[in-house]
Amino acid sequence: MTTSSFDAARAGIIAVGRRLDARGWAPATAGNYSVRLDDGFAVTASGWHKGRLSEEGVLRLDRDGQVVGTGKPSAETHLHLSIYRQFPAAGAVLHGHSPQAVGLTRAFRDLKAWHFAGHELLKVFPGQTTHETEIALPIVDNSQDMAVIEAAIAPALARPGAAPAYLIRDHGLYAWGKDLDEAERVLEAVEWLIATELAERSFRDSAS
């Protein structure tokens, strides 16, 4: 885990918000981002467009997840904190809402996980050194109760071969890493893998 000062974390979150918005992964005010600090967390505030974040749009939380100062953190802060609890090496969490990621969960409503195999890009994931492997991307049903989502997804994330990422059905993608750079690489890799596999299915259907 790479720790960060609040000022550095805030600047990094603002920058990543602009990049993800430019990719179409942060529509309207969707998405939320966080970074683990030595003494707590930096997290996006509720209601902010992630492509237009300013310093006021990133809040500081203490180790218990309580706001230091003023502001309302993202409603999904609980899910960020649950990832940090389950994975002590995680230093940053990103949550995006791409059409492909959301569309996949809607098209395959009975699936509990999507499996990627044989892709060269699998080597982007921490600890992977070959494309000759398989990574499971867990899928959990959506709920307005964050504790319900946490309880449902935690066992799937603990299984061998699970990606440092998961999908919430009808909602979006969570991804994390030791720092913001790694979390962004994981998010981008998963988004690419989803788009590629959906394109592959489309090509196969059109050829049949």
N, C-alpha and C. Protein backbone atom coordinates (compact mmCIF):
# COMPACT_ATOMS: atom_id res chain seq x y z
N MET A 1 0.85 -1.20 0.00
CA MET A 1 0.00 0.00 0.00
C MET A 1 0.88 1.25 0.00
N THR A 2 0.56 2.18 -0.86
CA THR A 2 1.26 3.46 -0.90
C THR A 2 0.38 4.51 -0.24
N THR A 3 0.87 5.16 0.81
CA THR A 3 0.09 6.19 1.48
C THR A 3 0.31 7.53 0.79
N SER A 4 -0.54 8.49 1.11
CA SER A 4 -0.50 9.78 0.43
C SER A 4 -0.93 10.86 1.40
N SER A 5 -0.41 12.06 1.22
CA SER A 5 -0.92 13.20 1.97
C SER A 5 -2.29 13.57 1.41
N PHE A 6 -3.08 14.28 2.21
CA PHE A 6 -4.41 14.65 1.74
C PHE A 6 -4.33 15.55 0.52
N ASP A 7 -3.41 16.51 0.52
CA ASP A 7 -3.29 17.41 -0.63
C ASP A 7 -2.96 16.65 -1.90
N ALA A 8 -2.03 15.70 -1.80
CA ALA A 8 -1.64 14.91 -2.98
C ALA A 8 -2.79 14.01 -3.42
N ALA A 9 -3.48 13.42 -2.45
CA ALA A 9 -4.61 12.55 -2.78
C ALA A 9 -5.72 13.35 -3.46
N ARG A 10 -6.01 14.52 -2.93
CA ARG A 10 -7.06 15.37 -3.52
C ARG A 10 -6.71 15.75 -4.95
N ALA A 11 -5.47 16.15 -5.18
CA ALA A 11 -5.05 16.51 -6.54
C ALA A 11 -5.15 15.30 -7.47
N GLY A 12 -4.76 14.13 -6.99
CA GLY A 12 -4.85 12.93 -7.81
C GLY A 12 -6.27 12.55 -8.13
N ILE A 13 -7.17 12.67 -7.17
CA ILE A 13 -8.57 12.35 -7.40
C ILE A 13 -9.19 13.31 -8.41
N ILE A 14 -8.89 14.59 -8.30
CA ILE A 14 -9.40 15.56 -9.27
C ILE A 14 -8.93 15.22 -10.68
N ALA A 15 -7.65 14.86 -10.80
CA ALA A 15 -7.10 14.54 -12.12
C ALA A 15 -7.71 13.27 -12.69
N VAL A 16 -7.86 12.25 -11.87
CA VAL A 16 -8.41 10.99 -12.38
C VAL A 16 -9.88 11.17 -12.74
N GLY A 17 -10.59 12.03 -11.99
CA GLY A 17 -11.98 12.30 -12.34
C GLY A 17 -12.12 12.87 -13.74
N ARG A 18 -11.22 13.76 -14.10
CA ARG A 18 -11.27 14.34 -15.44
C ARG A 18 -10.96 13.30 -16.51
N ARG A 19 -9.99 12.43 -16.22
CA ARG A 19 -9.64 11.39 -17.21
C ARG A 19 -10.79 10.39 -17.40
N LEU A 20 -11.40 9.96 -16.31
CA LEU A 20 -12.47 8.98 -16.43
C LEU A 20 -13.71 9.60 -17.07
N ASP A 21 -13.96 10.87 -16.78
CA ASP A 21 -15.08 11.55 -17.42
C ASP A 21 -14.85 11.65 -18.93
N ALA A 22 -13.61 11.91 -19.32
CA ALA A 22 -13.30 12.01 -20.75
C ALA A 22 -13.50 10.68 -21.47
N ARG A 23 -13.44 9.57 -20.74
CA ARG A 23 -13.67 8.25 -21.33
C ARG A 23 -15.14 7.88 -21.35
N GLY A 24 -16.00 8.72 -20.77
CA GLY A 24 -17.42 8.41 -20.71
C GLY A 24 -17.78 7.49 -19.57
N TRP A 25 -16.94 7.43 -18.55
CA TRP A 25 -17.16 6.51 -17.43
C TRP A 25 -17.66 7.22 -16.18
N ALA A 26 -18.00 8.50 -16.29
CA ALA A 26 -18.47 9.27 -15.13
C ALA A 26 -19.61 10.20 -15.55
N PRO A 27 -20.72 9.66 -16.07
CA PRO A 27 -21.80 10.53 -16.54
C PRO A 27 -22.51 11.23 -15.40
N ALA A 28 -23.01 12.43 -15.70
CA ALA A 28 -23.76 13.22 -14.70
C ALA A 28 -22.92 13.33 -13.43
N THR A 29 -23.46 12.94 -12.28
CA THR A 29 -22.67 12.97 -11.03
C THR A 29 -22.28 11.56 -10.60
N ALA A 30 -22.36 10.59 -11.51
CA ALA A 30 -22.08 9.20 -11.17
C ALA A 30 -20.60 8.99 -10.86
N GLY A 31 -20.33 7.95 -10.08
CA GLY A 31 -18.96 7.58 -9.75
C GLY A 31 -18.52 8.16 -8.42
N ASN A 32 -17.52 7.53 -7.83
CA ASN A 32 -16.91 8.03 -6.61
C ASN A 32 -15.52 7.43 -6.48
N TYR A 33 -14.61 8.19 -5.88
CA TYR A 33 -13.19 7.81 -5.82
C TYR A 33 -12.66 8.08 -4.41
N SER A 34 -11.67 7.29 -4.02
CA SER A 34 -11.08 7.50 -2.70
C SER A 34 -9.62 7.07 -2.69
N VAL A 35 -8.89 7.60 -1.71
CA VAL A 35 -7.49 7.26 -1.48
C VAL A 35 -7.29 7.07 0.02
N ARG A 36 -6.54 6.03 0.40
CA ARG A 36 -6.22 5.81 1.81
C ARG A 36 -5.08 6.76 2.22
N LEU A 37 -5.25 7.39 3.37
CA LEU A 37 -4.24 8.26 3.94
C LEU A 37 -3.63 7.60 5.17
N ASP A 38 -2.56 8.17 5.68
CA ASP A 38 -1.95 7.65 6.91
C ASP A 38 -2.94 7.69 8.07
N ASP A 39 -3.80 8.71 8.10
CA ASP A 39 -4.69 8.90 9.24
C ASP A 39 -6.16 8.89 8.85
N GLY A 40 -6.49 8.31 7.69
CA GLY A 40 -7.87 8.27 7.26
C GLY A 40 -8.00 8.07 5.77
N PHE A 41 -8.88 8.86 5.15
CA PHE A 41 -9.17 8.67 3.74
C PHE A 41 -9.52 10.01 3.09
N ALA A 42 -9.27 10.11 1.80
CA ALA A 42 -9.79 11.19 0.97
C ALA A 42 -10.86 10.58 0.07
N VAL A 43 -12.02 11.23 -0.05
CA VAL A 43 -13.12 10.66 -0.82
C VAL A 43 -13.90 11.79 -1.49
N THR A 44 -14.46 11.48 -2.64
CA THR A 44 -15.26 12.47 -3.35
C THR A 44 -16.55 12.77 -2.58
N ALA A 45 -16.96 14.03 -2.66
CA ALA A 45 -18.19 14.47 -2.00
C ALA A 45 -19.40 14.07 -2.84
N SER A 46 -20.53 13.95 -2.19
CA SER A 46 -21.77 13.60 -2.86
C SER A 46 -22.23 14.72 -3.79
N GLY A 47 -22.75 14.34 -4.95
CA GLY A 47 -23.40 15.29 -5.84
C GLY A 47 -22.50 16.05 -6.79
N TRP A 48 -21.20 15.76 -6.79
CA TRP A 48 -20.28 16.47 -7.67
C TRP A 48 -20.07 15.71 -8.98
N HIS A 49 -20.07 16.46 -10.09
CA HIS A 49 -19.69 15.87 -11.38
C HIS A 49 -18.19 15.57 -11.32
N LYS A 50 -17.83 14.32 -11.60
CA LYS A 50 -16.44 13.92 -11.38
C LYS A 50 -15.47 14.49 -12.41
N GLY A 51 -15.99 14.96 -13.53
CA GLY A 51 -15.13 15.62 -14.49
C GLY A 51 -14.91 17.09 -14.20
N ARG A 52 -15.61 17.60 -13.18
CA ARG A 52 -15.53 19.03 -12.85
C ARG A 52 -15.23 19.23 -11.36
N LEU A 53 -14.51 18.30 -10.78
CA LEU A 53 -14.19 18.40 -9.36
C LEU A 53 -13.27 19.58 -9.08
N SER A 54 -13.50 20.23 -7.96
CA SER A 54 -12.56 21.22 -7.43
C SER A 54 -12.11 20.70 -6.07
N GLU A 55 -11.29 21.47 -5.37
CA GLU A 55 -10.81 21.03 -4.07
C GLU A 55 -11.96 20.79 -3.10
N GLU A 56 -13.05 21.57 -3.21
CA GLU A 56 -14.18 21.40 -2.31
C GLU A 56 -14.93 20.10 -2.56
N GLY A 57 -14.68 19.48 -3.70
CA GLY A 57 -15.36 18.23 -4.04
C GLY A 57 -14.68 16.99 -3.52
N VAL A 58 -13.59 17.15 -2.78
CA VAL A 58 -12.88 16.01 -2.18
C VAL A 58 -12.80 16.25 -0.68
N LEU A 59 -13.31 15.32 0.10
CA LEU A 59 -13.39 15.47 1.55
C LEU A 59 -12.36 14.59 2.26
N ARG A 60 -12.04 14.98 3.46
CA ARG A 60 -11.14 14.20 4.29
C ARG A 60 -11.96 13.46 5.35
N LEU A 61 -11.69 12.16 5.51
CA LEU A 61 -12.35 11.35 6.52
C LEU A 61 -11.30 10.85 7.52
N ASP A 62 -11.74 10.61 8.76
CA ASP A 62 -10.83 10.00 9.72
C ASP A 62 -10.84 8.48 9.52
N ARG A 63 -10.13 7.76 10.38
CA ARG A 63 -10.00 6.31 10.21
C ARG A 63 -11.33 5.58 10.34
N ASP A 64 -12.29 6.20 11.03
CA ASP A 64 -13.62 5.60 11.20
C ASP A 64 -14.58 5.99 10.09
N GLY A 65 -14.10 6.77 9.12
CA GLY A 65 -14.95 7.18 8.01
C GLY A 65 -15.79 8.40 8.29
N GLN A 66 -15.49 9.13 9.35
CA GLN A 66 -16.23 10.34 9.67
C GLN A 66 -15.57 11.56 9.03
N VAL A 67 -16.38 12.50 8.56
CA VAL A 67 -15.86 13.68 7.87
C VAL A 67 -15.07 14.55 8.84
N VAL A 68 -13.90 14.97 8.39
CA VAL A 68 -13.10 15.94 9.13
C VAL A 68 -13.41 17.31 8.51
N GLY A 69 -14.11 18.14 9.23
CA GLY A 69 -14.54 19.42 8.68
C GLY A 69 -16.00 19.36 8.28
N THR A 70 -16.31 19.85 7.08
CA THR A 70 -17.69 19.88 6.61
C THR A 70 -17.81 19.18 5.27
N GLY A 71 -19.04 18.91 4.86
CA GLY A 71 -19.30 18.29 3.58
C GLY A 71 -19.95 16.93 3.75
N LYS A 72 -20.59 16.46 2.68
CA LYS A 72 -21.27 15.17 2.67
C LYS A 72 -20.54 14.22 1.73
N PRO A 73 -19.96 13.14 2.26
CA PRO A 73 -19.24 12.22 1.38
C PRO A 73 -20.19 11.41 0.51
N SER A 74 -19.64 10.78 -0.51
CA SER A 74 -20.43 9.93 -1.38
C SER A 74 -21.26 8.94 -0.58
N ALA A 75 -22.47 8.66 -1.07
CA ALA A 75 -23.34 7.69 -0.40
C ALA A 75 -22.72 6.30 -0.38
N GLU A 76 -21.76 6.04 -1.27
CA GLU A 76 -21.14 4.71 -1.36
C GLU A 76 -19.80 4.64 -0.64
N THR A 77 -19.52 5.61 0.21
CA THR A 77 -18.28 5.58 0.98
C THR A 77 -18.14 4.28 1.75
N HIS A 78 -19.25 3.74 2.24
CA HIS A 78 -19.23 2.48 2.98
C HIS A 78 -18.57 1.36 2.17
N LEU A 79 -18.85 1.33 0.86
CA LEU A 79 -18.27 0.29 0.02
C LEU A 79 -16.76 0.49 -0.14
N HIS A 80 -16.32 1.73 -0.22
CA HIS A 80 -14.88 2.00 -0.28
C HIS A 80 -14.21 1.51 1.00
N LEU A 81 -14.79 1.85 2.14
CA LEU A 81 -14.20 1.46 3.42
C LEU A 81 -14.18 -0.06 3.57
N SER A 82 -15.18 -0.74 3.04
CA SER A 82 -15.21 -2.20 3.15
C SER A 82 -14.08 -2.83 2.34
N ILE A 83 -13.74 -2.22 1.19
CA ILE A 83 -12.60 -2.72 0.40
C ILE A 83 -11.31 -2.52 1.16
N TYR A 84 -11.15 -1.35 1.77
CA TYR A 84 -9.92 -1.10 2.54
C TYR A 84 -9.80 -2.06 3.73
N ARG A 85 -10.93 -2.42 4.33
CA ARG A 85 -10.88 -3.37 5.44
C ARG A 85 -10.51 -4.76 4.95
N GLN A 86 -11.09 -5.18 3.84
CA GLN A 86 -10.85 -6.54 3.36
C GLN A 86 -9.48 -6.69 2.73
N PHE A 87 -8.95 -5.60 2.14
CA PHE A 87 -7.67 -5.65 1.45
C PHE A 87 -6.74 -4.57 2.00
N PRO A 88 -5.97 -4.91 3.03
CA PRO A 88 -5.10 -3.91 3.67
C PRO A 88 -4.08 -3.28 2.72
N ALA A 89 -3.74 -3.94 1.62
CA ALA A 89 -2.78 -3.37 0.67
C ALA A 89 -3.42 -2.37 -0.27
N ALA A 90 -4.75 -2.28 -0.28
CA ALA A 90 -5.43 -1.34 -1.18
C ALA A 90 -5.19 0.09 -0.71
N GLY A 91 -4.77 0.94 -1.66
CA GLY A 91 -4.51 2.34 -1.34
C GLY A 91 -5.42 3.31 -2.05
N ALA A 92 -6.21 2.81 -3.02
CA ALA A 92 -7.13 3.68 -3.75
C ALA A 92 -8.24 2.83 -4.35
N VAL A 93 -9.44 3.41 -4.42
CA VAL A 93 -10.61 2.74 -4.98
C VAL A 93 -11.28 3.68 -5.96
N LEU A 94 -11.65 3.15 -7.13
CA LEU A 94 -12.34 3.93 -8.16
C LEU A 94 -13.63 3.22 -8.55
N HIS A 95 -14.68 4.00 -8.74
CA HIS A 95 -15.98 3.45 -9.13
C HIS A 95 -16.49 4.18 -10.36
N GLY A 96 -16.61 3.43 -11.45
CA GLY A 96 -17.05 4.01 -12.72
C GLY A 96 -18.37 3.45 -13.19
N HIS A 97 -18.94 4.09 -14.21
CA HIS A 97 -20.27 3.74 -14.72
C HIS A 97 -20.26 3.70 -16.25
N SER A 98 -19.43 2.88 -16.84
CA SER A 98 -19.40 2.83 -18.30
C SER A 98 -20.65 2.12 -18.83
N PRO A 99 -21.12 2.47 -20.05
CA PRO A 99 -22.26 1.76 -20.64
C PRO A 99 -21.99 0.28 -20.81
N GLN A 100 -20.76 -0.09 -21.17
CA GLN A 100 -20.44 -1.50 -21.39
C GLN A 100 -20.52 -2.31 -20.10
N ALA A 101 -19.95 -1.76 -19.02
CA ALA A 101 -19.97 -2.48 -17.75
C ALA A 101 -21.39 -2.66 -17.24
N VAL A 102 -22.17 -1.59 -17.31
CA VAL A 102 -23.55 -1.68 -16.84
C VAL A 102 -24.38 -2.56 -17.78
N GLY A 103 -24.17 -2.40 -19.07
CA GLY A 103 -24.91 -3.20 -20.04
C GLY A 103 -24.67 -4.68 -19.90
N LEU A 104 -23.43 -5.08 -19.62
CA LEU A 104 -23.12 -6.50 -19.44
C LEU A 104 -23.95 -7.08 -18.30
N THR A 105 -24.04 -6.37 -17.19
CA THR A 105 -24.78 -6.92 -16.05
C THR A 105 -26.27 -7.00 -16.32
N ARG A 106 -26.77 -6.15 -17.21
CA ARG A 106 -28.19 -6.17 -17.55
C ARG A 106 -28.50 -7.27 -18.57
N ALA A 107 -27.56 -7.51 -19.47
CA ALA A 107 -27.77 -8.52 -20.51
C ALA A 107 -27.67 -9.94 -19.98
N PHE A 108 -26.84 -10.13 -18.95
CA PHE A 108 -26.63 -11.46 -18.39
C PHE A 108 -27.03 -11.43 -16.91
N ARG A 109 -28.33 -11.40 -16.69
CA ARG A 109 -28.84 -11.10 -15.35
C ARG A 109 -28.63 -12.23 -14.36
N ASP A 110 -28.42 -13.46 -14.83
CA ASP A 110 -28.27 -14.58 -13.90
C ASP A 110 -26.81 -14.84 -13.51
N LEU A 111 -25.88 -14.18 -14.17
CA LEU A 111 -24.47 -14.45 -13.89
C LEU A 111 -24.04 -13.84 -12.56
N LYS A 112 -23.24 -14.61 -11.81
CA LYS A 112 -22.64 -14.13 -10.56
C LYS A 112 -21.20 -13.69 -10.76
N ALA A 113 -20.64 -13.99 -11.94
CA ALA A 113 -19.27 -13.57 -12.25
C ALA A 113 -19.07 -13.67 -13.76
N TRP A 114 -18.16 -12.85 -14.27
CA TRP A 114 -17.74 -12.91 -15.67
C TRP A 114 -16.27 -13.31 -15.66
N HIS A 115 -15.92 -14.29 -16.51
CA HIS A 115 -14.56 -14.83 -16.49
C HIS A 115 -13.78 -14.39 -17.73
N PHE A 116 -12.62 -13.83 -17.51
CA PHE A 116 -11.71 -13.45 -18.59
C PHE A 116 -10.58 -14.48 -18.66
N ALA A 117 -10.30 -14.97 -19.86
CA ALA A 117 -9.23 -15.96 -20.03
C ALA A 117 -8.48 -15.71 -21.33
N GLY A 118 -7.16 -15.86 -21.27
CA GLY A 118 -6.34 -15.83 -22.47
C GLY A 118 -5.97 -14.47 -23.00
N HIS A 119 -6.43 -13.40 -22.37
CA HIS A 119 -6.13 -12.05 -22.84
C HIS A 119 -4.72 -11.62 -22.40
N GLU A 120 -3.96 -11.04 -23.30
CA GLU A 120 -2.65 -10.49 -22.94
C GLU A 120 -2.77 -9.45 -21.83
N LEU A 121 -3.87 -8.72 -21.83
CA LEU A 121 -4.03 -7.63 -20.87
C LEU A 121 -4.24 -8.14 -19.44
N LEU A 122 -4.44 -9.43 -19.27
CA LEU A 122 -4.57 -9.96 -17.91
C LEU A 122 -3.30 -9.74 -17.09
N LYS A 123 -2.18 -9.53 -17.78
CA LYS A 123 -0.92 -9.30 -17.07
C LYS A 123 -0.88 -7.93 -16.41
N VAL A 124 -1.87 -7.10 -16.68
CA VAL A 124 -1.96 -5.81 -15.99
C VAL A 124 -2.32 -5.99 -14.52
N PHE A 125 -3.07 -7.05 -14.21
CA PHE A 125 -3.52 -7.25 -12.84
C PHE A 125 -2.35 -7.59 -11.92
N PRO A 126 -2.32 -7.02 -10.72
CA PRO A 126 -1.22 -7.28 -9.79
C PRO A 126 -1.00 -8.77 -9.56
N GLY A 127 0.26 -9.18 -9.68
CA GLY A 127 0.62 -10.57 -9.43
C GLY A 127 0.52 -11.49 -10.63
N GLN A 128 -0.05 -11.01 -11.74
CA GLN A 128 -0.19 -11.85 -12.94
C GLN A 128 1.00 -11.65 -13.87
N THR A 129 1.58 -12.76 -14.32
CA THR A 129 2.76 -12.70 -15.19
C THR A 129 2.55 -13.37 -16.53
N THR A 130 1.36 -13.90 -16.78
CA THR A 130 1.10 -14.59 -18.03
C THR A 130 -0.34 -14.37 -18.46
N HIS A 131 -0.55 -14.47 -19.78
CA HIS A 131 -1.92 -14.39 -20.30
C HIS A 131 -2.63 -15.75 -20.16
N GLU A 132 -1.87 -16.78 -19.86
CA GLU A 132 -2.44 -18.13 -19.75
C GLU A 132 -3.03 -18.33 -18.36
N THR A 133 -4.03 -17.56 -18.07
CA THR A 133 -4.68 -17.60 -16.77
C THR A 133 -6.13 -17.19 -16.94
N GLU A 134 -6.88 -17.25 -15.86
CA GLU A 134 -8.28 -16.85 -15.87
C GLU A 134 -8.55 -15.99 -14.64
N ILE A 135 -9.26 -14.90 -14.86
CA ILE A 135 -9.63 -13.98 -13.79
C ILE A 135 -11.14 -13.90 -13.72
N ALA A 136 -11.68 -14.00 -12.51
CA ALA A 136 -13.12 -13.88 -12.31
C ALA A 136 -13.47 -12.47 -11.87
N LEU A 137 -14.44 -11.87 -12.52
CA LEU A 137 -14.96 -10.56 -12.14
C LEU A 137 -16.32 -10.77 -11.48
N PRO A 138 -16.40 -10.72 -10.14
CA PRO A 138 -17.67 -10.98 -9.46
C PRO A 138 -18.73 -9.94 -9.82
N ILE A 139 -19.98 -10.38 -9.79
CA ILE A 139 -21.12 -9.51 -10.03
C ILE A 139 -22.09 -9.67 -8.86
N VAL A 140 -22.51 -8.55 -8.29
CA VAL A 140 -23.43 -8.56 -7.16
C VAL A 140 -24.64 -7.71 -7.50
N ASP A 141 -25.80 -8.11 -7.00
CA ASP A 141 -27.01 -7.33 -7.25
C ASP A 141 -26.96 -5.99 -6.52
N ASN A 142 -27.62 -5.02 -7.08
CA ASN A 142 -27.63 -3.68 -6.50
C ASN A 142 -28.58 -3.63 -5.30
N SER A 143 -28.32 -2.68 -4.43
CA SER A 143 -29.18 -2.42 -3.27
C SER A 143 -28.93 -0.99 -2.82
N GLN A 144 -29.93 -0.37 -2.24
CA GLN A 144 -29.74 0.94 -1.64
C GLN A 144 -29.08 0.84 -0.27
N ASP A 145 -28.99 -0.38 0.25
CA ASP A 145 -28.33 -0.63 1.53
C ASP A 145 -26.91 -1.12 1.24
N MET A 146 -25.91 -0.27 1.52
CA MET A 146 -24.54 -0.61 1.21
C MET A 146 -24.05 -1.83 1.98
N ALA A 147 -24.58 -2.05 3.18
CA ALA A 147 -24.19 -3.21 3.97
C ALA A 147 -24.63 -4.51 3.30
N VAL A 148 -25.74 -4.48 2.59
CA VAL A 148 -26.21 -5.66 1.85
C VAL A 148 -25.24 -6.00 0.72
N ILE A 149 -24.80 -4.97 0.00
CA ILE A 149 -23.84 -5.20 -1.08
C ILE A 149 -22.53 -5.74 -0.51
N GLU A 150 -22.05 -5.13 0.57
CA GLU A 150 -20.80 -5.58 1.17
C GLU A 150 -20.88 -7.04 1.59
N ALA A 151 -21.95 -7.43 2.26
CA ALA A 151 -22.09 -8.80 2.73
C ALA A 151 -22.16 -9.79 1.57
N ALA A 152 -22.77 -9.37 0.46
CA ALA A 152 -22.91 -10.26 -0.69
C ALA A 152 -21.61 -10.41 -1.47
N ILE A 153 -20.81 -9.34 -1.57
CA ILE A 153 -19.64 -9.39 -2.44
C ILE A 153 -18.38 -9.88 -1.73
N ALA A 154 -18.27 -9.69 -0.44
CA ALA A 154 -17.03 -10.04 0.27
C ALA A 154 -16.59 -11.49 0.06
N PRO A 155 -17.49 -12.48 0.16
CA PRO A 155 -17.04 -13.87 -0.05
C PRO A 155 -16.52 -14.11 -1.46
N ALA A 156 -17.14 -13.50 -2.46
CA ALA A 156 -16.70 -13.69 -3.85
C ALA A 156 -15.31 -13.10 -4.06
N LEU A 157 -15.03 -11.97 -3.44
CA LEU A 157 -13.73 -11.32 -3.60
C LEU A 157 -12.63 -12.10 -2.90
N ALA A 158 -12.99 -12.91 -1.91
CA ALA A 158 -11.99 -13.69 -1.17
C ALA A 158 -11.60 -14.98 -1.89
N ARG A 159 -12.32 -15.34 -2.94
CA ARG A 159 -12.01 -16.59 -3.64
C ARG A 159 -10.76 -16.45 -4.50
N PRO A 160 -9.95 -17.50 -4.60
CA PRO A 160 -8.75 -17.45 -5.47
C PRO A 160 -9.16 -17.13 -6.91
N GLY A 161 -8.37 -16.28 -7.57
CA GLY A 161 -8.64 -15.94 -8.95
C GLY A 161 -9.59 -14.78 -9.15
N ALA A 162 -10.04 -14.16 -8.06
CA ALA A 162 -10.94 -13.01 -8.19
C ALA A 162 -10.13 -11.77 -8.56
N ALA A 163 -10.68 -10.96 -9.44
CA ALA A 163 -10.03 -9.71 -9.82
C ALA A 163 -10.09 -8.71 -8.67
N PRO A 164 -9.19 -7.71 -8.64
CA PRO A 164 -9.32 -6.62 -7.68
C PRO A 164 -10.36 -5.63 -8.18
N ALA A 165 -11.55 -6.16 -8.42
CA ALA A 165 -12.64 -5.38 -9.02
C ALA A 165 -13.91 -6.19 -8.92
N TYR A 166 -15.05 -5.49 -9.00
CA TYR A 166 -16.33 -6.20 -9.09
C TYR A 166 -17.37 -5.28 -9.72
N LEU A 167 -18.44 -5.90 -10.22
CA LEU A 167 -19.54 -5.19 -10.83
C LEU A 167 -20.76 -5.21 -9.92
N ILE A 168 -21.44 -4.08 -9.84
CA ILE A 168 -22.76 -4.03 -9.22
C ILE A 168 -23.78 -4.00 -10.35
N ARG A 169 -24.67 -4.96 -10.35
CA ARG A 169 -25.63 -5.07 -11.45
C ARG A 169 -26.48 -3.80 -11.58
N ASP A 170 -26.65 -3.37 -12.84
CA ASP A 170 -27.42 -2.16 -13.16
C ASP A 170 -26.75 -0.88 -12.67
N HIS A 171 -25.49 -0.95 -12.24
CA HIS A 171 -24.91 0.18 -11.54
C HIS A 171 -23.53 0.55 -12.06
N GLY A 172 -22.53 -0.30 -11.89
CA GLY A 172 -21.20 0.08 -12.35
C GLY A 172 -20.10 -0.81 -11.79
N LEU A 173 -18.87 -0.35 -11.97
CA LEU A 173 -17.66 -1.13 -11.69
C LEU A 173 -16.85 -0.51 -10.56
N TYR A 174 -16.43 -1.35 -9.61
CA TYR A 174 -15.46 -0.95 -8.59
C TYR A 174 -14.13 -1.60 -8.90
N ALA A 175 -13.04 -0.83 -8.75
CA ALA A 175 -11.68 -1.36 -8.97
C ALA A 175 -10.75 -0.70 -7.98
N TRP A 176 -9.68 -1.39 -7.60
CA TRP A 176 -8.75 -0.83 -6.62
C TRP A 176 -7.33 -1.31 -6.88
N GLY A 177 -6.40 -0.63 -6.22
CA GLY A 177 -4.98 -0.96 -6.34
C GLY A 177 -4.21 -0.37 -5.19
N LYS A 178 -2.89 -0.55 -5.22
CA LYS A 178 -2.06 -0.06 -4.12
C LYS A 178 -2.02 1.46 -4.08
N ASP A 179 -2.30 2.11 -5.21
CA ASP A 179 -2.36 3.57 -5.28
C ASP A 179 -3.29 3.95 -6.43
N LEU A 180 -3.47 5.24 -6.65
CA LEU A 180 -4.40 5.69 -7.70
C LEU A 180 -3.98 5.19 -9.07
N ASP A 181 -2.68 5.21 -9.36
CA ASP A 181 -2.22 4.76 -10.68
C ASP A 181 -2.60 3.31 -10.93
N GLU A 182 -2.36 2.45 -9.93
CA GLU A 182 -2.69 1.04 -10.12
C GLU A 182 -4.19 0.84 -10.19
N ALA A 183 -4.96 1.54 -9.36
CA ALA A 183 -6.42 1.42 -9.41
C ALA A 183 -6.95 1.84 -10.79
N GLU A 184 -6.38 2.89 -11.36
CA GLU A 184 -6.81 3.34 -12.68
C GLU A 184 -6.44 2.31 -13.75
N ARG A 185 -5.26 1.69 -13.62
CA ARG A 185 -4.88 0.64 -14.58
C ARG A 185 -5.84 -0.54 -14.51
N VAL A 186 -6.21 -0.93 -13.30
CA VAL A 186 -7.14 -2.05 -13.14
C VAL A 186 -8.50 -1.69 -13.74
N LEU A 187 -9.00 -0.50 -13.42
CA LEU A 187 -10.29 -0.07 -13.97
C LEU A 187 -10.25 -0.06 -15.48
N GLU A 188 -9.21 0.52 -16.05
CA GLU A 188 -9.10 0.61 -17.51
C GLU A 188 -8.99 -0.77 -18.13
N ALA A 189 -8.23 -1.66 -17.49
CA ALA A 189 -8.08 -3.02 -18.02
C ALA A 189 -9.41 -3.76 -18.01
N VAL A 190 -10.14 -3.67 -16.92
CA VAL A 190 -11.43 -4.35 -16.85
C VAL A 190 -12.41 -3.79 -17.88
N GLU A 191 -12.43 -2.47 -18.01
CA GLU A 191 -13.31 -1.86 -19.01
C GLU A 191 -12.95 -2.35 -20.42
N TRP A 192 -11.65 -2.42 -20.72
CA TRP A 192 -11.21 -2.89 -22.04
C TRP A 192 -11.61 -4.34 -22.24
N LEU A 193 -11.42 -5.17 -21.24
CA LEU A 193 -11.75 -6.58 -21.35
C LEU A 193 -13.25 -6.78 -21.57
N ILE A 194 -14.07 -6.03 -20.84
CA ILE A 194 -15.51 -6.12 -21.04
C ILE A 194 -15.89 -5.71 -22.46
N ALA A 195 -15.37 -4.57 -22.90
CA ALA A 195 -15.70 -4.09 -24.25
C ALA A 195 -15.24 -5.08 -25.32
N THR A 196 -14.06 -5.67 -25.13
CA THR A 196 -13.53 -6.62 -26.11
C THR A 196 -14.38 -7.88 -26.18
N GLU A 197 -14.78 -8.40 -25.02
CA GLU A 197 -15.56 -9.64 -25.04
C GLU A 197 -16.97 -9.40 -25.58
N LEU A 198 -17.54 -8.25 -25.30
CA LEU A 198 -18.84 -7.93 -25.89
C LEU A 198 -18.73 -7.76 -27.40
N ALA A 199 -17.62 -7.13 -27.87
CA ALA A 199 -17.40 -7.01 -29.31
C ALA A 199 -17.21 -8.37 -29.95
N GLU A 200 -16.48 -9.26 -29.28
CA GLU A 200 -16.26 -10.61 -29.81
C GLU A 200 -17.59 -11.34 -29.99
N ARG A 201 -18.47 -11.24 -29.01
CA ARG A 201 -19.78 -11.89 -29.12
C ARG A 201 -20.59 -11.29 -30.26
N SER A 202 -20.49 -9.97 -30.43
CA SER A 202 -21.22 -9.33 -31.52
C SER A 202 -20.72 -9.79 -32.88
N PHE A 203 -19.39 -9.89 -33.03
CA PHE A 203 -18.82 -10.35 -34.28
C PHE A 203 -19.23 -11.80 -34.58
N ARG A 204 -19.22 -12.62 -33.55
CA ARG A 204 -19.61 -14.01 -33.74
C ARG A 204 -21.08 -14.13 -34.16
N ASP A 205 -21.92 -13.33 -33.52
CA ASP A 205 -23.36 -13.37 -33.85
C ASP A 205 -23.58 -12.91 -35.29
N SER A 206 -22.85 -11.87 -35.71
CA SER A 206 -23.04 -11.35 -37.06
C SER A 206 -22.51 -12.30 -38.12
N ALA A 207 -21.56 -13.15 -37.75
CA ALA A 207 -20.97 -14.09 -38.69
C ALA A 207 -21.75 -15.41 -38.78
N SER A 208 -22.63 -15.63 -37.84
CA SER A 208 -23.36 -16.91 -37.81
C SER A 208 -24.64 -16.85 -38.64
